[in-house]
Amino acid sequence: VLHDGAKELAQNDLNSAKYVISDESKDIGEKLSEIGSRLDYPHLTKDLAKEIETLWEDAAIQETYARGNELQVPDCTKYFMENLQRLSDANYVPTKVLKIYHSF
């Protein structure tokens, strides 16, 4: 979403230069966009996580993320981007989070 959003903003925003993705990140973004359009997602490996991190760290992607509400970027995006290495560990086991609500 952020990769495609950056391309759209680069075409339509008055300050479009800040949405131009670097060449290295552009190739990764194209690869990830192709994966995102498939029905059979690959497992999140360490190598794939590193590529996603590289794209996430791109200045244009960060500028686009700042406008994420316009692109309907999920609120949890930053959490997952900051935890990619942990989530891509072959031994990773998701845990349930118990939320306790208090009524005041």
PDB file of N, CA and C in Angstrom:
ATOM      1  N   VAL A   1       0.831  -1.187   0.000  1.00  0.00           N
ATOM      2  CA  VAL A   1       0.000   0.000   0.000  1.00  0.00           C
ATOM      3  C   VAL A   1       0.879   1.255   0.000  1.00  0.00           C
ATOM      4  N   LEU A   2       1.912   1.258   0.846  1.00  0.00           N
ATOM      5  CA  LEU A   2       2.777   2.433   0.916  1.00  0.00           C
ATOM      6  C   LEU A   2       3.581   2.617  -0.366  1.00  0.00           C
ATOM      7  N   HIS A   3       4.032   1.533  -0.948  1.00  0.00           N
ATOM      8  CA  HIS A   3       4.792   1.619  -2.202  1.00  0.00           C
ATOM      9  C   HIS A   3       3.918   2.216  -3.298  1.00  0.00           C
ATOM     10  N   ASP A   4       2.726   1.680  -3.451  1.00  0.00           N
ATOM     11  CA  ASP A   4       1.816   2.192  -4.482  1.00  0.00           C
ATOM     12  C   ASP A   4       1.369   3.612  -4.158  1.00  0.00           C
ATOM     13  N   GLY A   5       1.157   3.905  -2.877  1.00  0.00           N
ATOM     14  CA  GLY A   5       0.779   5.250  -2.462  1.00  0.00           C
ATOM     15  C   GLY A   5       1.859   6.266  -2.763  1.00  0.00           C
ATOM     16  N   ALA A   6       3.113   5.897  -2.549  1.00  0.00           N
ATOM     17  CA  ALA A   6       4.225   6.799  -2.848  1.00  0.00           C
ATOM     18  C   ALA A   6       4.269   7.117  -4.339  1.00  0.00           C
ATOM     19  N   LYS A   7       4.044   6.106  -5.156  1.00  0.00           N
ATOM     20  CA  LYS A   7       4.039   6.344  -6.612  1.00  0.00           C
ATOM     21  C   LYS A   7       2.916   7.311  -6.992  1.00  0.00           C
ATOM     22  N   GLU A   8       1.760   7.128  -6.389  1.00  0.00           N
ATOM     23  CA  GLU A   8       0.621   8.012  -6.678  1.00  0.00           C
ATOM     24  C   GLU A   8       0.891   9.441  -6.209  1.00  0.00           C
ATOM     25  N   LEU A   9       1.422   9.581  -4.993  1.00  0.00           N
ATOM     26  CA  LEU A   9       1.734  10.910  -4.474  1.00  0.00           C
ATOM     27  C   LEU A   9       2.832  11.581  -5.296  1.00  0.00           C
ATOM     28  N   ALA A  10       3.800  10.813  -5.776  1.00  0.00           N
ATOM     29  CA  ALA A  10       4.873  11.371  -6.601  1.00  0.00           C
ATOM     30  C   ALA A  10       4.327  11.950  -7.902  1.00  0.00           C
ATOM     31  N   GLN A  11       3.220  11.419  -8.360  1.00  0.00           N
ATOM     32  CA  GLN A  11       2.614  11.921  -9.599  1.00  0.00           C
ATOM     33  C   GLN A  11       1.678  13.095  -9.364  1.00  0.00           C
ATOM     34  N   ASN A  12       1.062  13.161  -8.174  1.00  0.00           N
ATOM     35  CA  ASN A  12      -0.022  14.112  -7.967  1.00  0.00           C
ATOM     36  C   ASN A  12       0.232  15.212  -6.949  1.00  0.00           C
ATOM     37  N   ASP A  13       1.259  15.112  -6.140  1.00  0.00           N
ATOM     38  CA  ASP A  13       1.502  16.089  -5.089  1.00  0.00           C
ATOM     39  C   ASP A  13       2.391  17.218  -5.618  1.00  0.00           C
ATOM     40  N   LEU A  14       2.132  18.433  -5.142  1.00  0.00           N
ATOM     41  CA  LEU A  14       2.952  19.572  -5.571  1.00  0.00           C
ATOM     42  C   LEU A  14       4.405  19.417  -5.156  1.00  0.00           C
ATOM     43  N   ASN A  15       4.647  18.824  -4.003  1.00  0.00           N
ATOM     44  CA  ASN A  15       6.001  18.574  -3.521  1.00  0.00           C
ATOM     45  C   ASN A  15       6.349  17.106  -3.780  1.00  0.00           C
ATOM     46  N   SER A  16       6.246  16.703  -5.028  1.00  0.00           N
ATOM     47  CA  SER A  16       6.330  15.290  -5.397  1.00  0.00           C
ATOM     48  C   SER A  16       7.698  14.652  -5.183  1.00  0.00           C
ATOM     49  N   ALA A  17       8.759  15.423  -5.152  1.00  0.00           N
ATOM     50  CA  ALA A  17      10.108  14.856  -5.041  1.00  0.00           C
ATOM     51  C   ALA A  17      10.288  14.041  -3.771  1.00  0.00           C
ATOM     52  N   LYS A  18       9.611  14.424  -2.697  1.00  0.00           N
ATOM     53  CA  LYS A  18       9.800  13.708  -1.432  1.00  0.00           C
ATOM     54  C   LYS A  18       9.129  12.340  -1.439  1.00  0.00           C
ATOM     55  N   TYR A  19       8.363  12.028  -2.482  1.00  0.00           N
ATOM     56  CA  TYR A  19       7.705  10.731  -2.589  1.00  0.00           C
ATOM     57  C   TYR A  19       8.362   9.812  -3.622  1.00  0.00           C
ATOM     58  N   VAL A  20       9.514  10.223  -4.140  1.00  0.00           N
ATOM     59  CA  VAL A  20      10.221   9.408  -5.116  1.00  0.00           C
ATOM     60  C   VAL A  20      11.088   8.388  -4.376  1.00  0.00           C
ATOM     61  N   ILE A  21      10.802   7.131  -4.620  1.00  0.00           N
ATOM     62  CA  ILE A  21      11.483   6.027  -3.944  1.00  0.00           C
ATOM     63  C   ILE A  21      12.847   5.799  -4.574  1.00  0.00           C
ATOM     64  N   SER A  22      13.853   5.481  -3.740  1.00  0.00           N
ATOM     65  CA  SER A  22      15.202   5.213  -4.245  1.00  0.00           C
ATOM     66  C   SER A  22      15.180   4.008  -5.183  1.00  0.00           C
ATOM     67  N   ASP A  23      16.182   3.912  -6.033  1.00  0.00           N
ATOM     68  CA  ASP A  23      16.233   2.806  -7.004  1.00  0.00           C
ATOM     69  C   ASP A  23      16.236   1.446  -6.316  1.00  0.00           C
ATOM     70  N   GLU A  24      17.032   1.290  -5.244  1.00  0.00           N
ATOM     71  CA  GLU A  24      17.093   0.016  -4.526  1.00  0.00           C
ATOM     72  C   GLU A  24      15.720  -0.338  -3.958  1.00  0.00           C
ATOM     73  N   SER A  25      15.088   0.624  -3.330  1.00  0.00           N
ATOM     74  CA  SER A  25      13.783   0.382  -2.726  1.00  0.00           C
ATOM     75  C   SER A  25      12.700   0.181  -3.775  1.00  0.00           C
ATOM     76  N   LYS A  26      12.858   0.818  -4.912  1.00  0.00           N
ATOM     77  CA  LYS A  26      11.866   0.684  -5.990  1.00  0.00           C
ATOM     78  C   LYS A  26      11.775  -0.768  -6.450  1.00  0.00           C
ATOM     79  N   ASP A  27      12.916  -1.417  -6.624  1.00  0.00           N
ATOM     80  CA  ASP A  27      12.924  -2.827  -7.043  1.00  0.00           C
ATOM     81  C   ASP A  27      12.268  -3.716  -5.986  1.00  0.00           C
ATOM     82  N   ILE A  28      12.581  -3.454  -4.723  1.00  0.00           N
ATOM     83  CA  ILE A  28      11.977  -4.226  -3.637  1.00  0.00           C
ATOM     84  C   ILE A  28      10.472  -3.978  -3.607  1.00  0.00           C
ATOM     85  N   GLY A  29      10.068  -2.725  -3.750  1.00  0.00           N
ATOM     86  CA  GLY A  29       8.650  -2.386  -3.739  1.00  0.00           C
ATOM     87  C   GLY A  29       7.873  -3.070  -4.842  1.00  0.00           C
ATOM     88  N   GLU A  30       8.467  -3.137  -6.030  1.00  0.00           N
ATOM     89  CA  GLU A  30       7.810  -3.823  -7.150  1.00  0.00           C
ATOM     90  C   GLU A  30       7.641  -5.306  -6.842  1.00  0.00           C
ATOM     91  N   LYS A  31       8.679  -5.899  -6.267  1.00  0.00           N
ATOM     92  CA  LYS A  31       8.619  -7.317  -5.900  1.00  0.00           C
ATOM     93  C   LYS A  31       7.520  -7.551  -4.859  1.00  0.00           C
ATOM     94  N   LEU A  32       7.468  -6.698  -3.828  1.00  0.00           N
ATOM     95  CA  LEU A  32       6.475  -6.862  -2.774  1.00  0.00           C
ATOM     96  C   LEU A  32       5.060  -6.582  -3.270  1.00  0.00           C
ATOM     97  N   SER A  33       4.915  -5.653  -4.187  1.00  0.00           N
ATOM     98  CA  SER A  33       3.593  -5.390  -4.773  1.00  0.00           C
ATOM     99  C   SER A  33       3.101  -6.604  -5.536  1.00  0.00           C
ATOM    100  N   GLU A  34       4.021  -7.266  -6.233  1.00  0.00           N
ATOM    101  CA  GLU A  34       3.646  -8.479  -6.973  1.00  0.00           C
ATOM    102  C   GLU A  34       3.234  -9.579  -6.003  1.00  0.00           C
ATOM    103  N   ILE A  35       3.961  -9.720  -4.900  1.00  0.00           N
ATOM    104  CA  ILE A  35       3.618 -10.721  -3.890  1.00  0.00           C
ATOM    105  C   ILE A  35       2.249 -10.405  -3.297  1.00  0.00           C
ATOM    106  N   GLY A  36       1.997  -9.127  -3.022  1.00  0.00           N
ATOM    107  CA  GLY A  36       0.740  -8.711  -2.412  1.00  0.00           C
ATOM    108  C   GLY A  36      -0.477  -8.966  -3.275  1.00  0.00           C
ATOM    109  N   SER A  37      -0.277  -9.079  -4.575  1.00  0.00           N
ATOM    110  CA  SER A  37      -1.408  -9.310  -5.472  1.00  0.00           C
ATOM    111  C   SER A  37      -1.698 -10.800  -5.677  1.00  0.00           C
ATOM    112  N   ARG A  38      -0.851 -11.658  -5.109  1.00  0.00           N
ATOM    113  CA  ARG A  38      -1.048 -13.101  -5.258  1.00  0.00           C
ATOM    114  C   ARG A  38      -1.940 -13.647  -4.162  1.00  0.00           C
ATOM    115  N   LEU A  39      -2.493 -14.796  -4.384  1.00  0.00           N
ATOM    116  CA  LEU A  39      -3.304 -15.457  -3.374  1.00  0.00           C
ATOM    117  C   LEU A  39      -2.472 -16.328  -2.448  1.00  0.00           C
ATOM    118  N   ASP A  40      -1.277 -16.713  -2.899  1.00  0.00           N
ATOM    119  CA  ASP A  40      -0.399 -17.579  -2.109  1.00  0.00           C
ATOM    120  C   ASP A  40       0.798 -16.781  -1.574  1.00  0.00           C
ATOM    121  N   TYR A  41       0.620 -16.169  -0.413  1.00  0.00           N
ATOM    122  CA  TYR A  41       1.699 -15.383   0.172  1.00  0.00           C
ATOM    123  C   TYR A  41       2.823 -16.298   0.631  1.00  0.00           C
ATOM    124  N   PRO A  42       4.073 -15.881   0.427  1.00  0.00           N
ATOM    125  CA  PRO A  42       5.192 -16.692   0.928  1.00  0.00           C
ATOM    126  C   PRO A  42       5.326 -16.521   2.442  1.00  0.00           C
ATOM    127  N   HIS A  43       6.037 -17.443   3.070  1.00  0.00           N
ATOM    128  CA  HIS A  43       6.335 -17.318   4.492  1.00  0.00           C
ATOM    129  C   HIS A  43       7.265 -16.125   4.689  1.00  0.00           C
ATOM    130  N   LEU A  44       7.144 -15.483   5.817  1.00  0.00           N
ATOM    131  CA  LEU A  44       8.005 -14.352   6.136  1.00  0.00           C
ATOM    132  C   LEU A  44       9.356 -14.883   6.608  1.00  0.00           C
ATOM    133  N   THR A  45      10.316 -14.863   5.713  1.00  0.00           N
ATOM    134  CA  THR A  45      11.668 -15.314   6.033  1.00  0.00           C
ATOM    135  C   THR A  45      12.507 -14.120   6.489  1.00  0.00           C
ATOM    136  N   LYS A  46      13.676 -14.403   7.030  1.00  0.00           N
ATOM    137  CA  LYS A  46      14.596 -13.338   7.432  1.00  0.00           C
ATOM    138  C   LYS A  46      14.976 -12.461   6.236  1.00  0.00           C
ATOM    139  N   ASP A  47      15.199 -13.091   5.077  1.00  0.00           N
ATOM    140  CA  ASP A  47      15.576 -12.334   3.879  1.00  0.00           C
ATOM    141  C   ASP A  47      14.439 -11.426   3.415  1.00  0.00           C
ATOM    142  N   LEU A  48      13.220 -11.950   3.415  1.00  0.00           N
ATOM    143  CA  LEU A  48      12.075 -11.145   3.009  1.00  0.00           C
ATOM    144  C   LEU A  48      11.843 -10.018   4.015  1.00  0.00           C
ATOM    145  N   ALA A  49      12.010 -10.307   5.301  1.00  0.00           N
ATOM    146  CA  ALA A  49      11.866  -9.283   6.336  1.00  0.00           C
ATOM    147  C   ALA A  49      12.886  -8.164   6.134  1.00  0.00           C
ATOM    148  N   LYS A  50      14.104  -8.522   5.755  1.00  0.00           N
ATOM    149  CA  LYS A  50      15.150  -7.512   5.513  1.00  0.00           C
ATOM    150  C   LYS A  50      14.773  -6.627   4.330  1.00  0.00           C
ATOM    151  N   GLU A  51      14.225  -7.216   3.298  1.00  0.00           N
ATOM    152  CA  GLU A  51      13.795  -6.424   2.141  1.00  0.00           C
ATOM    153  C   GLU A  51      12.658  -5.472   2.526  1.00  0.00           C
ATOM    154  N   ILE A  52      11.721  -5.960   3.303  1.00  0.00           N
ATOM    155  CA  ILE A  52      10.612  -5.113   3.757  1.00  0.00           C
ATOM    156  C   ILE A  52      11.149  -3.973   4.614  1.00  0.00           C
ATOM    157  N   GLU A  53      12.106  -4.269   5.493  1.00  0.00           N
ATOM    158  CA  GLU A  53      12.725  -3.233   6.324  1.00  0.00           C
ATOM    159  C   GLU A  53      13.416  -2.178   5.466  1.00  0.00           C
ATOM    160  N   THR A  54      14.116  -2.616   4.429  1.00  0.00           N
ATOM    161  CA  THR A  54      14.799  -1.675   3.535  1.00  0.00           C
ATOM    162  C   THR A  54      13.787  -0.731   2.903  1.00  0.00           C
ATOM    163  N   LEU A  55      12.678  -1.270   2.429  1.00  0.00           N
ATOM    164  CA  LEU A  55      11.643  -0.437   1.830  1.00  0.00           C
ATOM    165  C   LEU A  55      11.038   0.492   2.883  1.00  0.00           C
ATOM    166  N   TRP A  56      10.752  -0.026   4.071  1.00  0.00           N
ATOM    167  CA  TRP A  56      10.162   0.757   5.153  1.00  0.00           C
ATOM    168  C   TRP A  56      11.045   1.949   5.526  1.00  0.00           C
ATOM    169  N   GLU A  57      12.361   1.769   5.498  1.00  0.00           N
ATOM    170  CA  GLU A  57      13.308   2.816   5.893  1.00  0.00           C
ATOM    171  C   GLU A  57      13.508   3.882   4.816  1.00  0.00           C
ATOM    172  N   ASP A  58      13.022   3.650   3.621  1.00  0.00           N
ATOM    173  CA  ASP A  58      13.160   4.622   2.533  1.00  0.00           C
ATOM    174  C   ASP A  58      12.430   5.918   2.909  1.00  0.00           C
ATOM    175  N   ALA A  59      13.086   7.054   2.680  1.00  0.00           N
ATOM    176  CA  ALA A  59      12.512   8.357   3.059  1.00  0.00           C
ATOM    177  C   ALA A  59      11.152   8.600   2.398  1.00  0.00           C
ATOM    178  N   ALA A  60      10.992   8.169   1.157  1.00  0.00           N
ATOM    179  CA  ALA A  60       9.719   8.372   0.449  1.00  0.00           C
ATOM    180  C   ALA A  60       8.603   7.546   1.088  1.00  0.00           C
ATOM    181  N   ILE A  61       8.934   6.354   1.536  1.00  0.00           N
ATOM    182  CA  ILE A  61       7.941   5.507   2.200  1.00  0.00           C
ATOM    183  C   ILE A  61       7.552   6.121   3.537  1.00  0.00           C
ATOM    184  N   GLN A  62       8.513   6.681   4.256  1.00  0.00           N
ATOM    185  CA  GLN A  62       8.204   7.339   5.525  1.00  0.00           C
ATOM    186  C   GLN A  62       7.324   8.573   5.310  1.00  0.00           C
ATOM    187  N   GLU A  63       7.592   9.334   4.259  1.00  0.00           N
ATOM    188  CA  GLU A  63       6.741  10.486   3.933  1.00  0.00           C
ATOM    189  C   GLU A  63       5.326  10.020   3.586  1.00  0.00           C
ATOM    190  N   THR A  64       5.248   8.928   2.865  1.00  0.00           N
ATOM    191  CA  THR A  64       3.947   8.373   2.495  1.00  0.00           C
ATOM    192  C   THR A  64       3.222   7.855   3.728  1.00  0.00           C
ATOM    193  N   TYR A  65       3.953   7.188   4.612  1.00  0.00           N
ATOM    194  CA  TYR A  65       3.356   6.679   5.850  1.00  0.00           C
ATOM    195  C   TYR A  65       2.768   7.818   6.682  1.00  0.00           C
ATOM    196  N   ALA A  66       3.420   8.970   6.669  1.00  0.00           N
ATOM    197  CA  ALA A  66       2.912  10.132   7.404  1.00  0.00           C
ATOM    198  C   ALA A  66       1.533  10.548   6.893  1.00  0.00           C
ATOM    199  N   ARG A  67       1.205  10.171   5.682  1.00  0.00           N
ATOM    200  CA  ARG A  67      -0.115  10.458   5.103  1.00  0.00           C
ATOM    201  C   ARG A  67      -0.951   9.185   4.995  1.00  0.00           C
ATOM    202  N   GLY A  68      -0.615   8.211   5.829  1.00  0.00           N
ATOM    203  CA  GLY A  68      -1.261   6.907   5.785  1.00  0.00           C
ATOM    204  C   GLY A  68      -2.762   6.931   5.956  1.00  0.00           C
ATOM    205  N   ASN A  69      -3.278   7.902   6.700  1.00  0.00           N
ATOM    206  CA  ASN A  69      -4.726   7.974   6.877  1.00  0.00           C
ATOM    207  C   ASN A  69      -5.438   8.195   5.546  1.00  0.00           C
ATOM    208  N   GLU A  70      -4.789   8.863   4.616  1.00  0.00           N
ATOM    209  CA  GLU A  70      -5.376   9.093   3.290  1.00  0.00           C
ATOM    210  C   GLU A  70      -5.364   7.820   2.439  1.00  0.00           C
ATOM    211  N   LEU A  71      -4.462   6.901   2.776  1.00  0.00           N
ATOM    212  CA  LEU A  71      -4.292   5.673   1.995  1.00  0.00           C
ATOM    213  C   LEU A  71      -4.886   4.454   2.696  1.00  0.00           C
ATOM    214  N   GLN A  72      -5.515   4.671   3.831  1.00  0.00           N
ATOM    215  CA  GLN A  72      -6.097   3.605   4.634  1.00  0.00           C
ATOM    216  C   GLN A  72      -5.048   2.574   5.072  1.00  0.00           C
ATOM    217  N   VAL A  73      -3.907   3.076   5.514  1.00  0.00           N
ATOM    218  CA  VAL A  73      -2.854   2.214   6.049  1.00  0.00           C
ATOM    219  C   VAL A  73      -3.285   1.794   7.453  1.00  0.00           C
ATOM    220  N   PRO A  74      -3.261   0.504   7.753  1.00  0.00           N
ATOM    221  CA  PRO A  74      -3.690   0.043   9.080  1.00  0.00           C
ATOM    222  C   PRO A  74      -2.878   0.674  10.208  1.00  0.00           C
ATOM    223  N   ASP A  75      -3.530   0.899  11.334  1.00  0.00           N
ATOM    224  CA  ASP A  75      -2.872   1.500  12.500  1.00  0.00           C
ATOM    225  C   ASP A  75      -1.711   0.658  13.018  1.00  0.00           C
ATOM    226  N   CYS A  76      -1.762  -0.637  12.812  1.00  0.00           N
ATOM    227  CA  CYS A  76      -0.740  -1.542  13.353  1.00  0.00           C
ATOM    228  C   CYS A  76       0.518  -1.633  12.481  1.00  0.00           C
ATOM    229  N   THR A  77       0.564  -0.915  11.382  1.00  0.00           N
ATOM    230  CA  THR A  77       1.683  -1.023  10.437  1.00  0.00           C
ATOM    231  C   THR A  77       3.030  -0.787  11.105  1.00  0.00           C
ATOM    232  N   LYS A  78       3.146   0.293  11.856  1.00  0.00           N
ATOM    233  CA  LYS A  78       4.435   0.620  12.476  1.00  0.00           C
ATOM    234  C   LYS A  78       4.882  -0.491  13.428  1.00  0.00           C
ATOM    235  N   TYR A  79       3.962  -1.039  14.211  1.00  0.00           N
ATOM    236  CA  TYR A  79       4.297  -2.138  15.124  1.00  0.00           C
ATOM    237  C   TYR A  79       4.913  -3.303  14.353  1.00  0.00           C
ATOM    238  N   PHE A  80       4.274  -3.721  13.270  1.00  0.00           N
ATOM    239  CA  PHE A  80       4.777  -4.857  12.505  1.00  0.00           C
ATOM    240  C   PHE A  80       6.107  -4.531  11.831  1.00  0.00           C
ATOM    241  N   MET A  81       6.268  -3.326  11.333  1.00  0.00           N
ATOM    242  CA  MET A  81       7.531  -2.950  10.696  1.00  0.00           C
ATOM    243  C   MET A  81       8.675  -2.943  11.706  1.00  0.00           C
ATOM    244  N   GLU A  82       8.393  -2.542  12.934  1.00  0.00           N
ATOM    245  CA  GLU A  82       9.433  -2.508  13.966  1.00  0.00           C
ATOM    246  C   GLU A  82       9.742  -3.886  14.542  1.00  0.00           C
ATOM    247  N   ASN A  83       8.920  -4.874  14.245  1.00  0.00           N
ATOM    248  CA  ASN A  83       9.094  -6.212  14.802  1.00  0.00           C
ATOM    249  C   ASN A  83       9.302  -7.288  13.736  1.00  0.00           C
ATOM    250  N   LEU A  84       9.687  -6.889  12.547  1.00  0.00           N
ATOM    251  CA  LEU A  84       9.831  -7.849  11.448  1.00  0.00           C
ATOM    252  C   LEU A  84      10.832  -8.959  11.739  1.00  0.00           C
ATOM    253  N   GLN A  85      11.964  -8.626  12.316  1.00  0.00           N
ATOM    254  CA  GLN A  85      12.969  -9.664  12.568  1.00  0.00           C
ATOM    255  C   GLN A  85      12.453 -10.697  13.563  1.00  0.00           C
ATOM    256  N   ARG A  86      11.784 -10.238  14.600  1.00  0.00           N
ATOM    257  CA  ARG A  86      11.213 -11.159  15.595  1.00  0.00           C
ATOM    258  C   ARG A  86      10.111 -12.003  14.958  1.00  0.00           C
ATOM    259  N   LEU A  87       9.260 -11.374  14.165  1.00  0.00           N
ATOM    260  CA  LEU A  87       8.150 -12.084  13.536  1.00  0.00           C
ATOM    261  C   LEU A  87       8.607 -13.066  12.464  1.00  0.00           C
ATOM    262  N   SER A  88       9.770 -12.819  11.880  1.00  0.00           N
ATOM    263  CA  SER A  88      10.274 -13.696  10.820  1.00  0.00           C
ATOM    264  C   SER A  88      11.128 -14.838  11.355  1.00  0.00           C
ATOM    265  N   ASP A  89      11.363 -14.872  12.651  1.00  0.00           N
ATOM    266  CA  ASP A  89      12.138 -15.959  13.249  1.00  0.00           C
ATOM    267  C   ASP A  89      11.405 -17.285  13.042  1.00  0.00           C
ATOM    268  N   ALA A  90      12.110 -18.294  12.604  1.00  0.00           N
ATOM    269  CA  ALA A  90      11.501 -19.602  12.326  1.00  0.00           C
ATOM    270  C   ALA A  90      10.829 -20.197  13.561  1.00  0.00           C
ATOM    271  N   ASN A  91      11.284 -19.813  14.741  1.00  0.00           N
ATOM    272  CA  ASN A  91      10.715 -20.333  15.991  1.00  0.00           C
ATOM    273  C   ASN A  91       9.653 -19.419  16.595  1.00  0.00           C
ATOM    274  N   TYR A  92       9.275 -18.372  15.888  1.00  0.00           N
ATOM    275  CA  TYR A  92       8.289 -17.434  16.417  1.00  0.00           C
ATOM    276  C   TYR A  92       6.933 -18.111  16.592  1.00  0.00           C
ATOM    277  N   VAL A  93       6.342 -17.909  17.754  1.00  0.00           N
ATOM    278  CA  VAL A  93       5.005 -18.420  18.042  1.00  0.00           C
ATOM    279  C   VAL A  93       4.159 -17.239  18.514  1.00  0.00           C
ATOM    280  N   PRO A  94       3.092 -16.923  17.807  1.00  0.00           N
ATOM    281  CA  PRO A  94       2.239 -15.812  18.244  1.00  0.00           C
ATOM    282  C   PRO A  94       1.632 -16.105  19.614  1.00  0.00           C
ATOM    283  N   THR A  95       1.455 -15.068  20.380  1.00  0.00           N
ATOM    284  CA  THR A  95       0.811 -15.212  21.675  1.00  0.00           C
ATOM    285  C   THR A  95      -0.465 -14.385  21.689  1.00  0.00           C
ATOM    286  N   LYS A  96      -1.386 -14.794  22.537  1.00  0.00           N
ATOM    287  CA  LYS A  96      -2.608 -14.016  22.701  1.00  0.00           C
ATOM    288  C   LYS A  96      -2.328 -12.889  23.681  1.00  0.00           C
ATOM    289  N   VAL A  97      -2.890 -11.752  23.374  1.00  0.00           N
ATOM    290  CA  VAL A  97      -2.774 -10.618  24.276  1.00  0.00           C
ATOM    291  C   VAL A  97      -4.111 -10.483  24.984  1.00  0.00           C
ATOM    292  N   LEU A  98      -4.058 -10.502  26.275  1.00  0.00           N
ATOM    293  CA  LEU A  98      -5.267 -10.362  27.081  1.00  0.00           C
ATOM    294  C   LEU A  98      -5.425  -8.906  27.469  1.00  0.00           C
ATOM    295  N   LYS A  99      -6.526  -8.319  27.050  1.00  0.00           N
ATOM    296  CA  LYS A  99      -6.801  -6.941  27.414  1.00  0.00           C
ATOM    297  C   LYS A  99      -7.854  -6.937  28.515  1.00  0.00           C
ATOM    298  N   ILE A 100      -7.551  -6.190  29.524  1.00  0.00           N
ATOM    299  CA  ILE A 100      -8.490  -6.060  30.629  1.00  0.00           C
ATOM    300  C   ILE A 100      -9.065  -4.657  30.584  1.00  0.00           C
ATOM    301  N   TYR A 101     -10.379  -4.587  30.522  1.00  0.00           N
ATOM    302  CA  TYR A 101     -11.049  -3.303  30.461  1.00  0.00           C
ATOM    303  C   TYR A 101     -11.686  -3.001  31.812  1.00  0.00           C
ATOM    304  N   HIS A 102     -11.467  -1.821  32.260  1.00  0.00           N
ATOM    305  CA  HIS A 102     -12.063  -1.372  33.505  1.00  0.00           C
ATOM    306  C   HIS A 102     -13.133  -0.347  33.171  1.00  0.00           C
ATOM    307  N   SER A 103     -14.241  -0.418  33.855  1.00  0.00           N
ATOM    308  CA  SER A 103     -15.245   0.618  33.666  1.00  0.00           C
ATOM    309  C   SER A 103     -15.092   1.620  34.811  1.00  0.00           C
ATOM    310  N   PHE A 104     -15.042   2.837  34.463  1.00  0.00           N
ATOM    311  CA  PHE A 104     -14.848   3.897  35.462  1.00  0.00           C
ATOM    312  C   PHE A 104     -16.117   4.710  35.580  1.00  0.00           C
TER     313      PHE A 104
END
